[in-house]
Amino acid sequence: MSRRNMSLLAGGIAIAIAVALLSPLASGDPDGLERVAEDKAFIEQAEDPGYEILQDYTIPGVDNEAVSTVLAGIVGVLVLGGLTFGAGWLLRRRRAGREGATGSPTDPQRPGARV
């Protein structure tokens, strides 16, 4: 990975963690869809999700609600970042495997190759 890409990745993770640190300051009011469901009186028809990894954006066993929310945010950032990085890595490997079979763009034996 190039130095520029590593800087962008580190900056993105830093911003996401900073947002997670500010998450306890977010409004406790329901979000837009939930608010409309309450206002239009069909909230009782809502169903719970089939699974919840971090229920209500908290970490089980952490008593301080603000700290628990921040930790849940950081865990979410790291998990999503890891999944995204892993998917990118797999796609690069797959592309490299294809180029190895057909010749790379810089292969001088290949017509029209960049040298």
C-alpha atoms as a PDB file:
ATOM      1  CA  MET A   1       0.000   0.000   0.000  1.00  0.00           C
ATOM      2  CA  SER A   2       1.381   3.405  -0.933  1.00  0.00           C
ATOM      3  CA  ARG A   3       2.324   5.996   1.662  1.00  0.00           C
ATOM      4  CA  ARG A   4      -0.499   8.264   0.425  1.00  0.00           C
ATOM      5  CA  ASN A   5      -3.107   5.504   0.780  1.00  0.00           C
ATOM      6  CA  MET A   6      -1.858   4.661   4.272  1.00  0.00           C
ATOM      7  CA  SER A   7      -2.182   8.343   5.240  1.00  0.00           C
ATOM      8  CA  LEU A   8      -5.738   8.467   3.881  1.00  0.00           C
ATOM      9  CA  LEU A   9      -6.647   5.256   5.706  1.00  0.00           C
ATOM     10  CA  ALA A  10      -5.169   6.489   8.997  1.00  0.00           C
ATOM     11  CA  GLY A  11      -6.949   9.838   8.608  1.00  0.00           C
ATOM     12  CA  GLY A  12     -10.275   8.164   7.899  1.00  0.00           C
ATOM     13  CA  ILE A  13      -9.970   5.885  10.912  1.00  0.00           C
ATOM     14  CA  ALA A  14      -8.967   8.831  13.110  1.00  0.00           C
ATOM     15  CA  ILE A  15     -12.014  10.825  11.993  1.00  0.00           C
ATOM     16  CA  ALA A  16     -14.335   7.844  12.556  1.00  0.00           C
ATOM     17  CA  ILE A  17     -12.933   7.292  16.059  1.00  0.00           C
ATOM     18  CA  ALA A  18     -13.291  11.018  16.827  1.00  0.00           C
ATOM     19  CA  VAL A  19     -16.954  10.798  15.810  1.00  0.00           C
ATOM     20  CA  ALA A  20     -17.352   7.720  18.050  1.00  0.00           C
ATOM     21  CA  LEU A  21     -15.862   9.705  20.946  1.00  0.00           C
ATOM     22  CA  LEU A  22     -18.508  12.400  20.398  1.00  0.00           C
ATOM     23  CA  SER A  23     -21.383   9.896  20.138  1.00  0.00           C
ATOM     24  CA  PRO A  24     -22.613  10.393  23.741  1.00  0.00           C
ATOM     25  CA  LEU A  25     -23.460  13.970  22.739  1.00  0.00           C
ATOM     26  CA  ALA A  26     -25.923  12.766  20.069  1.00  0.00           C
ATOM     27  CA  SER A  27     -29.616  13.379  20.583  1.00  0.00           C
ATOM     28  CA  GLY A  28     -31.548  10.736  22.470  1.00  0.00           C
ATOM     29  CA  ASP A  29     -34.656  11.508  20.429  1.00  0.00           C
ATOM     30  CA  PRO A  30     -35.823   8.882  17.927  1.00  0.00           C
ATOM     31  CA  ASP A  31     -34.387   9.055  14.407  1.00  0.00           C
ATOM     32  CA  GLY A  32     -36.481  10.205  11.442  1.00  0.00           C
ATOM     33  CA  LEU A  33     -38.158   6.908  10.578  1.00  0.00           C
ATOM     34  CA  GLU A  34     -38.898   6.034  14.185  1.00  0.00           C
ATOM     35  CA  ARG A  35     -40.281   9.521  14.798  1.00  0.00           C
ATOM     36  CA  VAL A  36     -42.621   9.264  11.793  1.00  0.00           C
ATOM     37  CA  ALA A  37     -43.768   5.833  12.978  1.00  0.00           C
ATOM     38  CA  GLU A  38     -44.573   7.312  16.394  1.00  0.00           C
ATOM     39  CA  ASP A  39     -46.310  10.388  14.928  1.00  0.00           C
ATOM     40  CA  LYS A  40     -48.398   8.298  12.512  1.00  0.00           C
ATOM     41  CA  ALA A  41     -49.152   5.692  15.205  1.00  0.00           C
ATOM     42  CA  PHE A  42     -47.758   2.593  13.511  1.00  0.00           C
ATOM     43  CA  ILE A  43     -44.697   2.112  15.746  1.00  0.00           C
ATOM     44  CA  GLU A  44     -46.351  -0.929  17.363  1.00  0.00           C
ATOM     45  CA  GLN A  45     -46.115  -2.761  14.015  1.00  0.00           C
ATOM     46  CA  ALA A  46     -42.317  -2.567  14.073  1.00  0.00           C
ATOM     47  CA  GLU A  47     -40.451  -5.841  14.475  1.00  0.00           C
ATOM     48  CA  ASP A  48     -37.156  -6.410  16.237  1.00  0.00           C
ATOM     49  CA  PRO A  49     -34.201  -7.376  14.042  1.00  0.00           C
ATOM     50  CA  GLY A  50     -33.318 -11.051  13.773  1.00  0.00           C
ATOM     51  CA  TYR A  51     -30.059 -10.355  15.612  1.00  0.00           C
ATOM     52  CA  GLU A  52     -28.357  -7.538  17.484  1.00  0.00           C
ATOM     53  CA  ILE A  53     -24.603  -7.498  17.806  1.00  0.00           C
ATOM     54  CA  LEU A  54     -24.307  -4.440  20.062  1.00  0.00           C
ATOM     55  CA  GLN A  55     -27.808  -3.904  21.396  1.00  0.00           C
ATOM     56  CA  ASP A  56     -28.696  -0.199  21.703  1.00  0.00           C
ATOM     57  CA  TYR A  57     -25.080   0.700  20.777  1.00  0.00           C
ATOM     58  CA  THR A  58     -23.702  -0.492  24.102  1.00  0.00           C
ATOM     59  CA  ILE A  59     -21.101  -2.965  25.314  1.00  0.00           C
ATOM     60  CA  PRO A  60     -22.477  -5.533  27.789  1.00  0.00           C
ATOM     61  CA  GLY A  61     -20.854  -5.321  31.206  1.00  0.00           C
ATOM     62  CA  VAL A  62     -19.847  -1.637  30.955  1.00  0.00           C
ATOM     63  CA  ASP A  63     -21.977   0.244  33.475  1.00  0.00           C
ATOM     64  CA  ASN A  64     -21.198   3.803  32.361  1.00  0.00           C
ATOM     65  CA  GLU A  65     -23.588   4.471  29.457  1.00  0.00           C
ATOM     66  CA  ALA A  66     -21.394   7.128  27.791  1.00  0.00           C
ATOM     67  CA  VAL A  67     -18.260   4.956  27.940  1.00  0.00           C
ATOM     68  CA  SER A  68     -20.226   1.958  26.690  1.00  0.00           C
ATOM     69  CA  THR A  69     -21.540   3.949  23.708  1.00  0.00           C
ATOM     70  CA  VAL A  70     -18.059   5.222  22.840  1.00  0.00           C
ATOM     71  CA  LEU A  71     -16.606   1.701  23.059  1.00  0.00           C
ATOM     72  CA  ALA A  72     -19.413   0.333  20.885  1.00  0.00           C
ATOM     73  CA  GLY A  73     -18.680   3.049  18.317  1.00  0.00           C
ATOM     74  CA  ILE A  74     -14.965   2.250  18.297  1.00  0.00           C
ATOM     75  CA  VAL A  75     -15.674  -1.485  17.980  1.00  0.00           C
ATOM     76  CA  GLY A  76     -18.010  -0.725  15.070  1.00  0.00           C
ATOM     77  CA  VAL A  77     -15.372   1.429  13.347  1.00  0.00           C
ATOM     78  CA  LEU A  78     -12.708  -1.254  13.756  1.00  0.00           C
ATOM     79  CA  VAL A  79     -14.954  -4.112  12.619  1.00  0.00           C
ATOM     80  CA  LEU A  80     -16.241  -2.229   9.578  1.00  0.00           C
ATOM     81  CA  GLY A  81     -12.728  -0.992   8.748  1.00  0.00           C
ATOM     82  CA  GLY A  82     -11.367  -4.524   9.024  1.00  0.00           C
ATOM     83  CA  LEU A  83     -14.095  -5.928   6.787  1.00  0.00           C
ATOM     84  CA  THR A  84     -13.530  -3.190   4.210  1.00  0.00           C
ATOM     85  CA  PHE A  85      -9.748  -3.626   4.287  1.00  0.00           C
ATOM     86  CA  GLY A  86     -10.142  -7.408   3.987  1.00  0.00           C
ATOM     87  CA  ALA A  87     -12.506  -7.098   1.027  1.00  0.00           C
ATOM     88  CA  GLY A  88     -10.064  -4.744  -0.704  1.00  0.00           C
ATOM     89  CA  TRP A  89      -7.186  -7.123  -0.052  1.00  0.00           C
ATOM     90  CA  LEU A  90      -9.146 -10.054  -1.490  1.00  0.00           C
ATOM     91  CA  LEU A  91     -10.116  -8.044  -4.565  1.00  0.00           C
ATOM     92  CA  ARG A  92      -6.493  -7.016  -5.154  1.00  0.00           C
ATOM     93  CA  ARG A  93      -5.339 -10.633  -4.855  1.00  0.00           C
ATOM     94  CA  ARG A  94      -8.035 -11.743  -7.251  1.00  0.00           C
ATOM     95  CA  ARG A  95      -7.079  -9.039  -9.766  1.00  0.00           C
ATOM     96  CA  ALA A  96      -3.375  -9.888  -9.413  1.00  0.00           C
ATOM     97  CA  GLY A  97      -4.201 -13.548 -10.110  1.00  0.00           C
ATOM     98  CA  ARG A  98      -6.020 -12.587 -13.303  1.00  0.00           C
ATOM     99  CA  GLU A  99      -3.204 -10.311 -14.478  1.00  0.00           C
ATOM    100  CA  GLY A 100      -0.687 -13.063 -13.771  1.00  0.00           C
ATOM    101  CA  ALA A 101      -2.617 -15.396 -16.054  1.00  0.00           C
ATOM    102  CA  THR A 102      -3.022 -12.856 -18.879  1.00  0.00           C
ATOM    103  CA  GLY A 103       0.158 -10.819 -18.406  1.00  0.00           C
ATOM    104  CA  SER A 104       0.498  -7.660 -16.366  1.00  0.00           C
ATOM    105  CA  PRO A 105      -0.073  -4.171 -17.809  1.00  0.00           C
ATOM    106  CA  THR A 106       3.672  -3.523 -17.528  1.00  0.00           C
ATOM    107  CA  ASP A 107       4.718  -6.805 -19.202  1.00  0.00           C
ATOM    108  CA  PRO A 108       6.961  -5.790 -22.174  1.00  0.00           C
ATOM    109  CA  GLN A 109       5.899  -8.965 -24.020  1.00  0.00           C
ATOM    110  CA  ARG A 110       2.316  -7.773 -24.125  1.00  0.00           C
ATOM    111  CA  PRO A 111       1.319  -5.504 -27.033  1.00  0.00           C
ATOM    112  CA  GLY A 112       0.447  -1.971 -25.894  1.00  0.00           C
ATOM    113  CA  ALA A 113       2.086  -2.501 -22.487  1.00  0.00           C
ATOM    114  CA  ARG A 114       3.272   0.462 -20.443  1.00  0.00           C
ATOM    115  CA  VAL A 115       7.020   0.335 -19.919  1.00  0.00           C
END
